[in-house]
């Protein structure tokens, strides 16, 4: 969590949250165990793939309406290339005009990975966040880079690596196009 969020691992809130996650995992999977991962790996696109844009509001349009329009366009672009959005969440906070997350999955990537790496379920679906702070024109969009799977899961199979990288490129290219 510290690597992805860029919050120091010594942060008391992150430590408390991590403990809560541990308690929940042990309740859900009493015989489960943690597996080691290679956290020193470097990822081609970085640990997080990030984008920024600005929504130009037409007269009478709100930022939430612009975000909803962006979401529809985003989903219409990712759906034909095999992505599904099984769930999205809208969080409300006084500091933001909007703050949403979209859970996204692409079975063409997770299925070949999970055959040899069943722990891949920890990475799928992955989440895309989109938010805009009040009094700031910048819209931020980000997700944990799909390339993380290769090193963290120790993937060696070329066909699987290809599927993971293809998924990273597809979502990155779509968001690049939508944010230009």
Protein backbone atom coordinates (compact mmCIF):
# COMPACT_ATOMS: atom_id res chain seq x y z
CA UNK A 1 0.00 0.00 0.00
CA UNK A 2 2.84 2.35 0.82
CA UNK A 3 4.49 1.90 -2.59
CA UNK A 4 1.33 2.64 -4.56
CA UNK A 5 0.01 5.50 -2.41
CA UNK A 6 3.44 7.08 -1.81
CA UNK A 7 2.53 7.31 1.87
CA UNK A 8 5.50 6.38 4.10
CA UNK A 9 5.15 2.91 5.61
CA UNK A 10 5.70 4.54 9.02
CA UNK A 11 2.50 6.62 8.67
CA UNK A 12 0.25 5.80 11.66
CA UNK A 13 -2.96 5.88 9.59
CA UNK A 14 -1.50 3.51 7.01
CA UNK A 15 -0.28 1.18 9.75
CA UNK A 16 -3.75 1.16 11.37
CA UNK A 17 -5.42 0.56 8.00
CA UNK A 18 -3.02 -2.28 7.23
CA UNK A 19 -3.90 -3.92 10.55
CA UNK A 20 -7.62 -3.67 9.73
CA UNK A 21 -7.01 -5.28 6.34
CA UNK A 22 -5.03 -8.05 8.05
CA UNK A 23 -7.86 -8.72 10.52
CA UNK A 24 -10.43 -8.84 7.70
CA UNK A 25 -8.26 -11.18 5.61
CA UNK A 26 -7.70 -13.55 8.52
CA UNK A 27 -11.43 -13.64 9.28
CA UNK A 28 -12.27 -14.35 5.65
CA UNK A 29 -9.38 -16.81 5.11
CA UNK A 30 -8.46 -18.27 8.51
CA UNK A 31 -5.99 -20.75 6.97
CA UNK A 32 -4.53 -18.25 4.50
CA UNK A 33 -0.97 -17.03 4.54
CA UNK A 34 0.93 -14.11 3.06
CA UNK A 35 3.19 -14.76 0.09
CA UNK A 36 6.42 -12.86 -0.50
CA UNK A 37 6.50 -10.45 -3.41
CA UNK A 38 9.35 -8.64 -5.11
CA UNK A 39 8.76 -5.04 -4.09
CA UNK A 40 12.11 -3.85 -5.44
CA UNK A 41 11.06 -4.31 -9.05
CA UNK A 42 10.93 -1.39 -11.43
CA UNK A 43 7.97 -1.02 -13.74
CA UNK A 44 8.17 0.45 -17.24
CA UNK A 45 5.33 2.90 -16.62
CA UNK A 46 6.03 3.40 -12.92
CA UNK A 47 4.04 1.96 -10.06
CA UNK A 48 1.09 4.19 -10.90
CA UNK A 49 0.02 5.37 -14.35
CA UNK A 50 -1.27 8.93 -14.04
CA UNK A 51 -3.05 11.42 -16.26
CA UNK A 52 -4.33 14.94 -15.88
CA UNK A 53 -6.81 16.92 -17.92
CA UNK A 54 -9.24 19.80 -17.58
CA UNK A 55 -12.94 19.61 -18.26
CA UNK A 56 -14.19 22.55 -20.29
CA UNK A 57 -17.67 23.23 -19.02
CA UNK A 58 -20.33 24.35 -21.40
CA UNK A 59 -22.76 26.91 -20.08
CA UNK A 60 -24.96 25.36 -17.39
CA UNK A 61 -22.90 22.15 -17.11
CA UNK A 62 -21.46 21.04 -13.77
CA UNK A 63 -18.20 19.21 -13.15
CA UNK A 64 -20.15 16.15 -12.07
CA UNK A 65 -22.03 16.16 -15.39
CA UNK A 66 -18.72 16.54 -17.26
CA UNK A 67 -17.26 13.63 -15.26
CA UNK A 68 -20.31 11.48 -16.04
CA UNK A 69 -19.89 12.28 -19.72
CA UNK A 70 -16.19 11.35 -19.48
CA UNK A 71 -17.12 8.09 -17.75
CA UNK A 72 -19.57 7.16 -20.53
CA UNK A 73 -16.95 7.88 -23.18
CA UNK A 74 -14.31 5.96 -21.22
CA UNK A 75 -16.56 2.91 -20.88
CA UNK A 76 -17.50 3.07 -24.57
CA UNK A 77 -13.77 2.96 -25.45
CA UNK A 78 -12.72 0.16 -23.08
CA UNK A 79 -15.67 -2.17 -23.64
CA UNK A 80 -14.89 -3.13 -27.28
CA UNK A 81 -11.32 -4.16 -26.30
CA UNK A 82 -12.44 -6.53 -23.55
CA UNK A 83 -12.60 -4.45 -20.38
CA UNK A 84 -15.53 -4.62 -17.98
CA UNK A 85 -16.44 -2.20 -15.20
CA UNK A 86 -18.21 -4.42 -12.67
CA UNK A 87 -18.50 -1.65 -10.07
CA UNK A 88 -17.90 2.06 -9.63
CA UNK A 89 -17.96 4.11 -6.47
CA UNK A 90 -18.64 7.79 -5.88
CA UNK A 91 -17.15 9.19 -2.71
CA UNK A 92 -18.40 12.51 -1.42
CA UNK A 93 -16.11 14.91 0.37
CA UNK A 94 -16.28 18.68 0.81
CA UNK A 95 -12.78 19.15 -0.65
CA UNK A 96 -13.71 17.62 -4.03
CA UNK A 97 -16.07 18.41 -6.87
CA UNK A 98 -15.99 14.65 -7.48
CA UNK A 99 -13.97 11.62 -6.45
CA UNK A 100 -14.83 8.31 -8.16
CA UNK A 101 -13.23 4.92 -8.52
CA UNK A 102 -13.95 2.34 -11.20
CA UNK A 103 -13.17 -1.33 -10.68
CA UNK A 104 -11.97 -2.63 -14.04
CA UNK A 105 -11.14 -6.11 -15.25
CA UNK A 106 -9.94 -7.60 -18.51
CA UNK A 107 -10.31 -11.38 -18.53
CA UNK A 108 -7.85 -11.70 -21.44
CA UNK A 109 -5.17 -10.55 -18.98
CA UNK A 110 -6.19 -11.97 -15.61
CA UNK A 111 -7.15 -15.44 -16.88
CA UNK A 112 -3.72 -16.38 -18.33
CA UNK A 113 -2.02 -14.85 -15.30
CA UNK A 114 -4.18 -16.71 -12.77
CA UNK A 115 -3.55 -20.12 -14.35
CA UNK A 116 0.03 -20.16 -13.02
CA UNK A 117 -0.29 -17.41 -10.43
CA UNK A 118 -3.55 -17.83 -8.50
CA UNK A 119 -2.53 -15.01 -6.16
CA UNK A 120 -3.20 -12.66 -9.10
CA UNK A 121 -6.69 -12.22 -7.69
CA UNK A 122 -5.15 -9.59 -5.42
CA UNK A 123 -4.64 -7.43 -8.53
CA UNK A 124 -7.96 -7.86 -10.29
CA UNK A 125 -10.11 -6.04 -10.77
CA UNK A 126 -7.85 -3.03 -10.69
CA UNK A 127 -9.10 0.41 -9.75
CA UNK A 128 -9.01 3.63 -11.71
CA UNK A 129 -9.52 6.82 -9.71
CA UNK A 130 -10.78 10.09 -11.15
CA UNK A 131 -11.07 13.19 -9.03
CA UNK A 132 -11.08 16.97 -9.08
CA UNK A 133 -10.39 19.10 -6.04
CA UNK A 134 -12.51 22.18 -5.53
CA UNK A 135 -10.78 25.42 -6.54
CA UNK A 136 -8.45 23.47 -8.88
CA UNK A 137 -9.11 23.09 -12.59
CA UNK A 138 -7.08 19.87 -12.92
CA UNK A 139 -8.81 16.51 -13.17
CA UNK A 140 -6.60 13.63 -11.98
CA UNK A 141 -6.90 10.06 -13.26
CA UNK A 142 -4.68 7.21 -12.09
CA UNK A 143 -4.42 3.45 -11.62
CA UNK A 144 -1.79 1.01 -10.33
CA UNK A 145 0.20 0.07 -13.44
CA UNK A 146 -0.76 -3.36 -14.75
CA UNK A 147 2.94 -4.01 -15.38
CA UNK A 148 3.27 -4.37 -11.58
CA UNK A 149 1.83 -7.86 -11.95
CA UNK A 150 4.87 -9.15 -13.87
CA UNK A 151 7.44 -8.52 -11.16
CA UNK A 152 5.25 -8.81 -8.08
CA UNK A 153 3.87 -12.18 -9.19
CA UNK A 154 7.16 -13.40 -10.68
CA UNK A 155 5.59 -14.00 -14.11
CA UNK A 156 8.06 -15.65 -16.48
CA UNK A 157 5.77 -17.03 -19.22
CA UNK A 158 6.19 -14.87 -22.35
CA UNK A 159 2.57 -15.26 -23.48
CA UNK A 160 1.35 -14.13 -20.07
CA UNK A 161 3.77 -11.19 -19.98
CA UNK A 162 2.51 -10.20 -23.42
CA UNK A 163 -1.14 -10.26 -22.22
CA UNK A 164 -0.29 -8.14 -19.17
CA UNK A 165 1.67 -5.58 -21.19
CA UNK A 166 -1.05 -5.46 -23.83
CA UNK A 167 -3.60 -4.69 -21.12
CA UNK A 168 -1.40 -1.91 -19.71
CA UNK A 169 -0.96 -0.38 -23.16
CA UNK A 170 -4.65 -0.60 -24.06
CA UNK A 171 -5.87 1.21 -20.96
CA UNK A 172 -2.99 3.70 -21.09
CA UNK A 173 -3.64 4.53 -24.75
CA UNK A 174 -7.37 4.97 -24.17
CA UNK A 175 -6.81 7.33 -21.23
CA UNK A 176 -4.10 9.21 -23.13
CA UNK A 177 -6.53 9.80 -25.98
CA UNK A 178 -9.35 10.87 -23.67
CA UNK A 179 -7.18 13.30 -21.68
CA UNK A 180 -5.48 15.09 -24.60
